[in-house]
C-alpha atoms as a PDB file:
ATOM      1  CA  MET A   1     250.454  86.471  30.670  1.00  0.00           C
ATOM      2  CA  ASN A   2     253.427  88.743  30.027  1.00  0.00           C
ATOM      3  CA  ARG A   3     256.268  88.474  32.482  1.00  0.00           C
ATOM      4  CA  LYS A   4     257.291  91.551  34.418  1.00  0.00           C
ATOM      5  CA  SER A   5     260.521  93.293  33.529  1.00  0.00           C
ATOM      6  CA  VAL A   6     263.325  93.717  36.037  1.00  0.00           C
ATOM      7  CA  SER A   7     262.574  97.441  36.296  1.00  0.00           C
ATOM      8  CA  GLN A   8     258.911  96.707  37.071  1.00  0.00           C
ATOM      9  CA  THR A   9     259.940  94.225  39.755  1.00  0.00           C
ATOM     10  CA  LEU A  10     262.311  96.775  41.283  1.00  0.00           C
ATOM     11  CA  SER A  11     259.557  99.375  41.303  1.00  0.00           C
ATOM     12  CA  GLU A  12     257.153  96.959  42.989  1.00  0.00           C
ATOM     13  CA  ALA A  13     259.805  95.938  45.519  1.00  0.00           C
ATOM     14  CA  TRP A  14     260.465  99.592  46.353  1.00  0.00           C
ATOM     15  CA  SER A  15     256.763 100.252  46.872  1.00  0.00           C
ATOM     16  CA  MET A  16     256.674  97.376  49.400  1.00  0.00           C
ATOM     17  CA  ARG A  17     259.920  98.384  51.148  1.00  0.00           C
ATOM     18  CA  ARG A  18     258.272  99.306  54.452  1.00  0.00           C
ATOM     19  CA  VAL A  19     256.485  95.963  54.604  1.00  0.00           C
ATOM     20  CA  TRP A  20     259.398  93.613  53.941  1.00  0.00           C
ATOM     21  CA  TRP A  21     261.700  95.645  56.178  1.00  0.00           C
ATOM     22  CA  PHE A  22     259.101  95.660  58.986  1.00  0.00           C
ATOM     23  CA  THR A  23     258.512  91.889  58.789  1.00  0.00           C
ATOM     24  CA  ALA A  24     262.274  91.287  58.852  1.00  0.00           C
ATOM     25  CA  THR A  25     262.598  93.570  61.874  1.00  0.00           C
ATOM     26  CA  SER A  26     259.794  91.687  63.615  1.00  0.00           C
ATOM     27  CA  ARG A  27     261.619  88.408  63.021  1.00  0.00           C
ATOM     28  CA  THR A  28     264.768  89.907  64.519  1.00  0.00           C
ATOM     29  CA  LYS A  29     262.896  91.094  67.613  1.00  0.00           C
ATOM     30  CA  ALA A  30     261.031  87.796  68.041  1.00  0.00           C
ATOM     31  CA  ARG A  31     264.314  85.910  67.811  1.00  0.00           C
ATOM     32  CA  PHE A  32     265.517  87.350  71.107  1.00  0.00           C
ATOM     33  CA  VAL A  33     262.272  87.879  72.988  1.00  0.00           C
ATOM     34  CA  ARG A  34     262.636  87.460  76.763  1.00  0.00           C
ATOM     35  CA  THR A  35     266.420  87.595  76.614  1.00  0.00           C
ATOM     36  CA  PHE A  36     268.409  90.039  78.715  1.00  0.00           C
ATOM     37  CA  PHE A  37     270.939  91.084  76.055  1.00  0.00           C
ATOM     38  CA  GLY A  38     268.548  90.881  73.112  1.00  0.00           C
ATOM     39  CA  SER A  39     270.159  91.247  69.702  1.00  0.00           C
ATOM     40  CA  PHE A  40     273.530  91.854  71.371  1.00  0.00           C
ATOM     41  CA  TRP A  41     273.766  88.058  71.458  1.00  0.00           C
ATOM     42  CA  LEU A  42     274.504  88.210  67.709  1.00  0.00           C
ATOM     43  CA  GLY A  43     277.740  90.048  68.364  1.00  0.00           C
ATOM     44  CA  LEU A  44     278.503  88.288  71.633  1.00  0.00           C
ATOM     45  CA  SER A  45     278.289  84.835  70.059  1.00  0.00           C
ATOM     46  CA  ASN A  46     280.759  85.912  67.383  1.00  0.00           C
ATOM     47  CA  LEU A  47     283.074  87.399  70.008  1.00  0.00           C
ATOM     48  CA  PHE A  48     283.054  84.155  71.998  1.00  0.00           C
ATOM     49  CA  SER A  49     283.930  82.192  68.842  1.00  0.00           C
ATOM     50  CA  ILE A  50     286.674  84.655  67.902  1.00  0.00           C
ATOM     51  CA  ALA A  51     288.211  84.489  71.385  1.00  0.00           C
ATOM     52  CA  ILE A  52     288.313  80.671  71.504  1.00  0.00           C
ATOM     53  CA  LEU A  53     289.502  80.218  67.915  1.00  0.00           C
ATOM     54  CA  ALA A  54     292.161  82.921  68.273  1.00  0.00           C
ATOM     55  CA  LEU A  55     293.577  81.268  71.386  1.00  0.00           C
ATOM     56  CA  VAL A  56     293.559  77.779  69.871  1.00  0.00           C
ATOM     57  CA  TYR A  57     294.724  78.516  66.340  1.00  0.00           C
ATOM     58  CA  GLY A  58     297.065  81.243  67.500  1.00  0.00           C
ATOM     59  CA  ALA A  59     298.887  78.515  69.395  1.00  0.00           C
ATOM     60  CA  VAL A  60     298.585  75.974  66.567  1.00  0.00           C
ATOM     61  CA  PHE A  61     299.990  78.360  63.956  1.00  0.00           C
ATOM     62  CA  LYS A  62     302.461  79.877  66.439  1.00  0.00           C
ATOM     63  CA  VAL A  63     301.497  83.416  65.455  1.00  0.00           C
ATOM     64  CA  GLN A  64     304.035  86.107  66.348  1.00  0.00           C
ATOM     65  CA  ASP A  65     301.674  89.107  66.388  1.00  0.00           C
ATOM     66  CA  PHE A  66     298.621  87.938  68.336  1.00  0.00           C
ATOM     67  CA  ASN A  67     296.776  91.282  68.124  1.00  0.00           C
ATOM     68  CA  THR A  68     296.960  91.303  64.329  1.00  0.00           C
ATOM     69  CA  TYR A  69     295.849  87.676  64.177  1.00  0.00           C
ATOM     70  CA  VAL A  70     292.808  88.362  66.382  1.00  0.00           C
ATOM     71  CA  VAL A  71     291.669  91.136  64.027  1.00  0.00           C
ATOM     72  CA  TYR A  72     292.436  89.023  60.941  1.00  0.00           C
ATOM     73  CA  LEU A  73     290.450  86.066  62.259  1.00  0.00           C
ATOM     74  CA  GLY A  74     287.677  88.191  63.785  1.00  0.00           C
ATOM     75  CA  VAL A  75     286.811  90.183  60.670  1.00  0.00           C
ATOM     76  CA  GLY A  76     287.035  87.091  58.494  1.00  0.00           C
ATOM     77  CA  LEU A  77     284.837  85.038  60.795  1.00  0.00           C
ATOM     78  CA  VAL A  78     282.036  87.577  61.199  1.00  0.00           C
ATOM     79  CA  VAL A  79     281.850  88.111  57.421  1.00  0.00           C
ATOM     80  CA  TRP A  80     281.925  84.378  56.761  1.00  0.00           C
ATOM     81  CA  ASN A  81     279.151  83.741  59.294  1.00  0.00           C
ATOM     82  CA  SER A  82     276.923  86.203  57.436  1.00  0.00           C
ATOM     83  CA  ILE A  83     277.620  84.596  54.068  1.00  0.00           C
ATOM     84  CA  SER A  84     277.087  81.119  55.483  1.00  0.00           C
ATOM     85  CA  ALA A  85     273.814  82.040  57.215  1.00  0.00           C
ATOM     86  CA  ALA A  86     272.368  83.689  54.090  1.00  0.00           C
ATOM     87  CA  ILE A  87     273.222  80.794  51.782  1.00  0.00           C
ATOM     88  CA  GLY A  88     272.432  78.095  54.342  1.00  0.00           C
ATOM     89  CA  SER A  89     268.860  79.342  54.803  1.00  0.00           C
ATOM     90  CA  ALA A  90     268.261  79.831  51.067  1.00  0.00           C
ATOM     91  CA  PRO A  91     267.252  76.355  49.771  1.00  0.00           C
ATOM     92  CA  ASN A  92     264.015  76.192  51.780  1.00  0.00           C
ATOM     93  CA  LEU A  93     263.102  79.882  51.624  1.00  0.00           C
ATOM     94  CA  PHE A  94     260.003  79.395  49.486  1.00  0.00           C
ATOM     95  CA  GLU A  95     259.170  76.154  51.265  1.00  0.00           C
ATOM     96  CA  HIS A  96     259.178  78.082  54.533  1.00  0.00           C
ATOM     97  CA  ASN A  97     256.754  80.606  53.024  1.00  0.00           C
ATOM     98  CA  ARG A  98     254.588  77.971  51.330  1.00  0.00           C
ATOM     99  CA  PRO A  99     251.220  79.083  52.816  1.00  0.00           C
ATOM    100  CA  HIS A 100     251.783  82.665  51.644  1.00  0.00           C
ATOM    101  CA  VAL A 101     252.997  81.589  48.198  1.00  0.00           C
ATOM    102  CA  HIS A 102     249.885  79.432  47.747  1.00  0.00           C
ATOM    103  CA  ASN A 103     247.313  81.810  49.183  1.00  0.00           C
ATOM    104  CA  THR A 104     248.451  85.316  48.251  1.00  0.00           C
ATOM    105  CA  ASN A 105     249.336  87.154  45.076  1.00  0.00           C
ATOM    106  CA  LEU A 106     252.516  88.694  46.472  1.00  0.00           C
ATOM    107  CA  ASN A 107     255.396  88.920  44.074  1.00  0.00           C
ATOM    108  CA  PRO A 108     257.939  86.243  45.145  1.00  0.00           C
ATOM    109  CA  VAL A 109     260.576  88.961  45.267  1.00  0.00           C
ATOM    110  CA  PHE A 110     258.953  90.018  48.555  1.00  0.00           C
ATOM    111  CA  TYR A 111     260.100  86.846  50.329  1.00  0.00           C
ATOM    112  CA  THR A 112     263.645  87.195  49.034  1.00  0.00           C
ATOM    113  CA  LEU A 113     263.833  90.825  50.161  1.00  0.00           C
ATOM    114  CA  GLU A 114     262.414  89.997  53.572  1.00  0.00           C
ATOM    115  CA  GLU A 115     265.071  87.313  54.061  1.00  0.00           C
ATOM    116  CA  TRP A 116     267.769  89.653  52.725  1.00  0.00           C
ATOM    117  CA  SER A 117     266.689  92.373  55.162  1.00  0.00           C
ATOM    118  CA  PHE A 118     266.776  89.877  58.018  1.00  0.00           C
ATOM    119  CA  GLN A 119     270.310  88.829  57.071  1.00  0.00           C
ATOM    120  CA  LEU A 120     271.444  92.464  56.736  1.00  0.00           C
ATOM    121  CA  GLN A 121     270.055  93.322  60.169  1.00  0.00           C
ATOM    122  CA  THR A 122     271.838  90.308  61.631  1.00  0.00           C
ATOM    123  CA  LEU A 123     275.064  91.320  59.875  1.00  0.00           C
ATOM    124  CA  SER A 124     274.935  94.953  61.017  1.00  0.00           C
ATOM    125  CA  GLN A 125     274.177  94.143  64.651  1.00  0.00           C
ATOM    126  CA  SER A 126     276.925  91.548  64.812  1.00  0.00           C
ATOM    127  CA  PHE A 127     279.520  93.315  62.660  1.00  0.00           C
ATOM    128  CA  LEU A 128     279.427  96.663  64.443  1.00  0.00           C
ATOM    129  CA  LEU A 129     279.871  95.148  67.901  1.00  0.00           C
ATOM    130  CA  VAL A 130     282.744  92.957  66.711  1.00  0.00           C
ATOM    131  CA  ILE A 131     284.482  95.910  65.035  1.00  0.00           C
ATOM    132  CA  LEU A 132     284.116  98.002  68.183  1.00  0.00           C
ATOM    133  CA  VAL A 133     285.735  95.287  70.310  1.00  0.00           C
ATOM    134  CA  LEU A 134     288.454  94.552  67.753  1.00  0.00           C
ATOM    135  CA  SER A 135     289.307  98.259  67.744  1.00  0.00           C
ATOM    136  CA  PHE A 136     291.045  97.655  71.071  1.00  0.00           C
ATOM    137  CA  PHE A 137     293.504  95.473  69.150  1.00  0.00           C
ATOM    138  CA  GLN A 138     293.780  97.818  66.134  1.00  0.00           C
ATOM    139  CA  ASN A 139     292.557 101.358  66.684  1.00  0.00           C
ATOM    140  CA  THR A 140     292.321 102.249  62.976  1.00  0.00           C
ATOM    141  CA  LEU A 141     289.503  99.807  62.230  1.00  0.00           C
ATOM    142  CA  LEU A 142     286.643 102.266  62.649  1.00  0.00           C
ATOM    143  CA  LEU A 143     288.381 104.947  60.588  1.00  0.00           C
ATOM    144  CA  ASN A 144     289.113 102.464  57.806  1.00  0.00           C
ATOM    145  CA  PHE A 145     285.542 101.220  57.989  1.00  0.00           C
ATOM    146  CA  PHE A 146     284.170 104.651  57.091  1.00  0.00           C
ATOM    147  CA  THR A 147     286.855 105.687  54.594  1.00  0.00           C
ATOM    148  CA  VAL A 148     287.529 102.654  52.391  1.00  0.00           C
ATOM    149  CA  GLY A 149     285.386  99.865  53.836  1.00  0.00           C
ATOM    150  CA  TRP A 150     282.102 101.037  52.332  1.00  0.00           C
ATOM    151  CA  LEU A 151     282.643  99.619  48.817  1.00  0.00           C
ATOM    152  CA  PRO A 152     283.650  96.082  49.886  1.00  0.00           C
ATOM    153  CA  ILE A 153     280.732  96.047  52.338  1.00  0.00           C
ATOM    154  CA  LEU A 154     278.368  97.198  49.578  1.00  0.00           C
ATOM    155  CA  ASN A 155     279.632  94.282  47.499  1.00  0.00           C
ATOM    156  CA  LEU A 156     278.958  91.961  50.422  1.00  0.00           C
ATOM    157  CA  CYS A 157     275.391  93.245  50.799  1.00  0.00           C
ATOM    158  CA  LEU A 158     274.639  92.723  47.096  1.00  0.00           C
ATOM    159  CA  PHE A 159     276.264  89.287  47.174  1.00  0.00           C
ATOM    160  CA  LEU A 160     274.072  88.346  50.147  1.00  0.00           C
ATOM    161  CA  TYR A 161     271.038  88.981  47.961  1.00  0.00           C
ATOM    162  CA  TRP A 162     271.639  87.536  44.540  1.00  0.00           C
ATOM    163  CA  LEU A 163     273.505  84.306  45.318  1.00  0.00           C
ATOM    164  CA  PRO A 164     270.990  83.102  47.967  1.00  0.00           C
ATOM    165  CA  VAL A 165     268.177  83.949  45.508  1.00  0.00           C
ATOM    166  CA  LEU A 166     269.753  81.690  42.880  1.00  0.00           C
ATOM    167  CA  VAL A 167     270.168  78.971  45.501  1.00  0.00           C
ATOM    168  CA  CYS A 168     266.545  79.218  46.695  1.00  0.00           C
ATOM    169  CA  LEU A 169     265.219  79.094  43.112  1.00  0.00           C
ATOM    170  CA  LEU A 170     267.264  75.963  42.480  1.00  0.00           C
ATOM    171  CA  GLY A 171     266.201  74.576  45.854  1.00  0.00           C
ATOM    172  CA  ALA A 172     262.549  74.910  44.861  1.00  0.00           C
ATOM    173  CA  ARG A 173     263.194  72.594  41.906  1.00  0.00           C
ATOM    174  CA  TYR A 174     265.892  70.300  43.247  1.00  0.00           C
ATOM    175  CA  ARG A 175     265.568  69.149  46.850  1.00  0.00           C
ATOM    176  CA  ASP A 176     269.118  67.778  46.726  1.00  0.00           C
ATOM    177  CA  LEU A 177     270.317  71.289  47.538  1.00  0.00           C
ATOM    178  CA  TYR A 178     268.954  70.852  51.063  1.00  0.00           C
ATOM    179  CA  GLN A 179     271.682  68.269  51.615  1.00  0.00           C
ATOM    180  CA  LEU A 180     274.343  69.700  49.315  1.00  0.00           C
ATOM    181  CA  VAL A 181     274.511  73.299  50.526  1.00  0.00           C
ATOM    182  CA  PRO A 182     275.660  72.544  54.114  1.00  0.00           C
ATOM    183  CA  ILE A 183     278.405  70.271  52.745  1.00  0.00           C
ATOM    184  CA  VAL A 184     279.604  72.911  50.284  1.00  0.00           C
ATOM    185  CA  LEU A 185     279.604  75.596  52.972  1.00  0.00           C
ATOM    186  CA  GLN A 186     281.625  73.450  55.348  1.00  0.00           C
ATOM    187  CA  LEU A 187     284.203  72.674  52.663  1.00  0.00           C
ATOM    188  CA  ALA A 188     284.307  76.328  51.579  1.00  0.00           C
ATOM    189  CA  PHE A 189     285.034  77.407  55.152  1.00  0.00           C
ATOM    190  CA  LEU A 190     287.934  74.973  55.455  1.00  0.00           C
ATOM    191  CA  LEU A 191     289.335  76.003  52.073  1.00  0.00           C
ATOM    192  CA  SER A 192     288.956  79.752  52.686  1.00  0.00           C
ATOM    193  CA  PRO A 193     291.855  81.618  54.370  1.00  0.00           C
ATOM    194  CA  ILE A 194     289.875  82.643  57.445  1.00  0.00           C
ATOM    195  CA  LEU A 195     291.703  80.833  60.226  1.00  0.00           C
ATOM    196  CA  TYR A 196     295.029  81.021  58.395  1.00  0.00           C
ATOM    197  CA  LYS A 197     296.889  83.283  55.964  1.00  0.00           C
ATOM    198  CA  LYS A 198     296.413  82.718  52.250  1.00  0.00           C
ATOM    199  CA  GLU A 199     300.164  82.240  51.846  1.00  0.00           C
ATOM    200  CA  ARG A 200     299.977  79.035  53.915  1.00  0.00           C
ATOM    201  CA  LEU A 201     298.243  77.354  50.995  1.00  0.00           C
ATOM    202  CA  GLY A 202     301.544  77.424  49.113  1.00  0.00           C
ATOM    203  CA  VAL A 203     301.182  76.105  45.559  1.00  0.00           C
ATOM    204  CA  MET A 204     297.441  75.656  46.191  1.00  0.00           C
ATOM    205  CA  VAL A 205     296.870  79.398  46.611  1.00  0.00           C
ATOM    206  CA  TRP A 206     294.765  79.244  43.429  1.00  0.00           C
ATOM    207  CA  ILE A 207     292.008  77.687  45.552  1.00  0.00           C
ATOM    208  CA  ALA A 208     291.587  80.975  47.414  1.00  0.00           C
ATOM    209  CA  ASN A 209     291.822  83.029  44.242  1.00  0.00           C
ATOM    210  CA  LEU A 210     288.974  81.053  42.649  1.00  0.00           C
ATOM    211  CA  ASN A 211     286.875  80.940  45.813  1.00  0.00           C
ATOM    212  CA  PRO A 212     283.925  83.383  45.323  1.00  0.00           C
ATOM    213  CA  PHE A 213     283.311  83.617  49.067  1.00  0.00           C
ATOM    214  CA  TYR A 214     286.912  84.593  49.715  1.00  0.00           C
ATOM    215  CA  ARG A 215     286.824  87.133  46.871  1.00  0.00           C
ATOM    216  CA  ILE A 216     284.018  88.891  48.762  1.00  0.00           C
ATOM    217  CA  LEU A 217     285.593  88.490  52.189  1.00  0.00           C
ATOM    218  CA  ALA A 218     289.214  89.452  51.442  1.00  0.00           C
ATOM    219  CA  PRO A 219     288.619  93.090  50.312  1.00  0.00           C
ATOM    220  CA  ILE A 220     286.647  93.806  53.498  1.00  0.00           C
ATOM    221  CA  ARG A 221     289.390  92.436  55.723  1.00  0.00           C
ATOM    222  CA  ASP A 222     292.176  94.096  53.743  1.00  0.00           C
ATOM    223  CA  GLY A 223     290.358  97.415  53.692  1.00  0.00           C
ATOM    224  CA  LEU A 224     289.674  97.443  57.430  1.00  0.00           C
ATOM    225  CA  MET A 225     293.113  96.241  58.447  1.00  0.00           C
ATOM    226  CA  ALA A 226     295.344  97.988  55.895  1.00  0.00           C
ATOM    227  CA  GLY A 227     293.188 101.040  55.156  1.00  0.00           C
ATOM    228  CA  LYS A 228     293.403 100.531  51.414  1.00  0.00           C
ATOM    229  CA  ILE A 229     291.676  98.480  48.749  1.00  0.00           C
ATOM    230  CA  ASP A 230     292.210  97.618  45.110  1.00  0.00           C
ATOM    231  CA  TRP A 231     289.628  99.984  43.615  1.00  0.00           C
ATOM    232  CA  SER A 232     289.732  98.459  40.126  1.00  0.00           C
ATOM    233  CA  SER A 233     289.008  94.925  41.344  1.00  0.00           C
ATOM    234  CA  SER A 234     286.379  96.194  43.804  1.00  0.00           C
ATOM    235  CA  ILE A 235     284.568  98.103  41.050  1.00  0.00           C
ATOM    236  CA  LEU A 236     284.747  95.023  38.814  1.00  0.00           C
ATOM    237  CA  LEU A 237     283.268  93.003  41.663  1.00  0.00           C
ATOM    238  CA  LEU A 238     280.529  95.620  42.028  1.00  0.00           C
ATOM    239  CA  ILE A 239     279.650  95.221  38.343  1.00  0.00           C
ATOM    240  CA  ILE A 240     279.505  91.438  38.771  1.00  0.00           C
ATOM    241  CA  ASN A 241     277.247  91.813  41.807  1.00  0.00           C
ATOM    242  CA  LEU A 242     274.935  94.215  39.981  1.00  0.00           C
ATOM    243  CA  PHE A 243     274.694  91.761  37.101  1.00  0.00           C
ATOM    244  CA  GLY A 244     274.032  88.951  39.581  1.00  0.00           C
ATOM    245  CA  THR A 245     271.227  91.006  41.144  1.00  0.00           C
ATOM    246  CA  TRP A 246     269.718  91.689  37.719  1.00  0.00           C
ATOM    247  CA  LEU A 247     269.931  87.977  36.863  1.00  0.00           C
ATOM    248  CA  ALA A 248     268.327  86.989  40.174  1.00  0.00           C
ATOM    249  CA  LEU A 249     265.385  89.365  39.619  1.00  0.00           C
ATOM    250  CA  ARG A 250     264.953  88.142  36.068  1.00  0.00           C
ATOM    251  CA  LEU A 251     264.850  84.524  37.198  1.00  0.00           C
ATOM    252  CA  ILE A 252     262.349  85.369  39.944  1.00  0.00           C
ATOM    253  CA  ASN A 253     260.072  86.836  37.271  1.00  0.00           C
ATOM    254  CA  ARG A 254     260.464  83.732  35.140  1.00  0.00           C
ATOM    255  CA  GLU A 255     260.033  81.164  37.911  1.00  0.00           C
ATOM    256  CA  GLY A 256     257.408  83.033  39.965  1.00  0.00           C
ATOM    257  CA  PRO A 257     254.330  81.517  38.237  1.00  0.00           C
ATOM    258  CA  ASN A 258     255.752  78.010  38.729  1.00  0.00           C
ATOM    259  CA  LEU A 259     256.567  78.288  42.455  1.00  0.00           C
ATOM    260  CA  PRO A 260     253.126  77.184  43.781  1.00  0.00           C
ATOM    261  CA  PHE A 261     253.524  73.945  41.835  1.00  0.00           C
ATOM    262  CA  LEU A 262     257.079  73.300  43.032  1.00  0.00           C
ATOM    263  CA  ILE A 263     256.680  73.666  46.790  1.00  0.00           C
END
């Protein structure tokens, strides 16, 4: 049987857009059923973490400008949490949907888009509340968000699709990823300048420069805080993300027929 092309998969995904977005929305609603604050807990949990970490590490690093440090840490942490959640849930994505994979003829891209939509909804609900609160510490955040923040955030959204897809396809074949991914994410968090400035790495600053998670995170934080971004590097990153998305869809088409036998 001939494999579908990437354009055919995109067309099929678009035709199912209402379904995978609705199922993701239902998951989001079910997550907070019978809670008073509902999905506001997504932002509140991040705000609690930001407050505690800012107080502790602000004292540890003896920061001079506490307001700037709160914004620096807050934006970095909320973006990192989204990246970590998307990649952390990826290895068992198809395993989680095993009954549907075995008993329906849905294109596997459906499950990846449903998970992506769920992660985007989580990101938006958390990110917007955090930015609103952090605006009390830096009142230009919202303006910068709408003027220059859109391209780095677009890059984040694309990144949150294609990299988890690659991880879940590998996870279907190699169960070691179930154990490896949490370790890698923990190390990546410690090695990423989120709690501290990149300059504190000294001669090891190359670690941040080669860190793909930080390369996604840094333009968002710089754009929101400074109101400017490096357009050339952001456009290059966009091209890389578009290629990554194309590669992910191509691999889904190739591995789709094998998934029922792998999970």
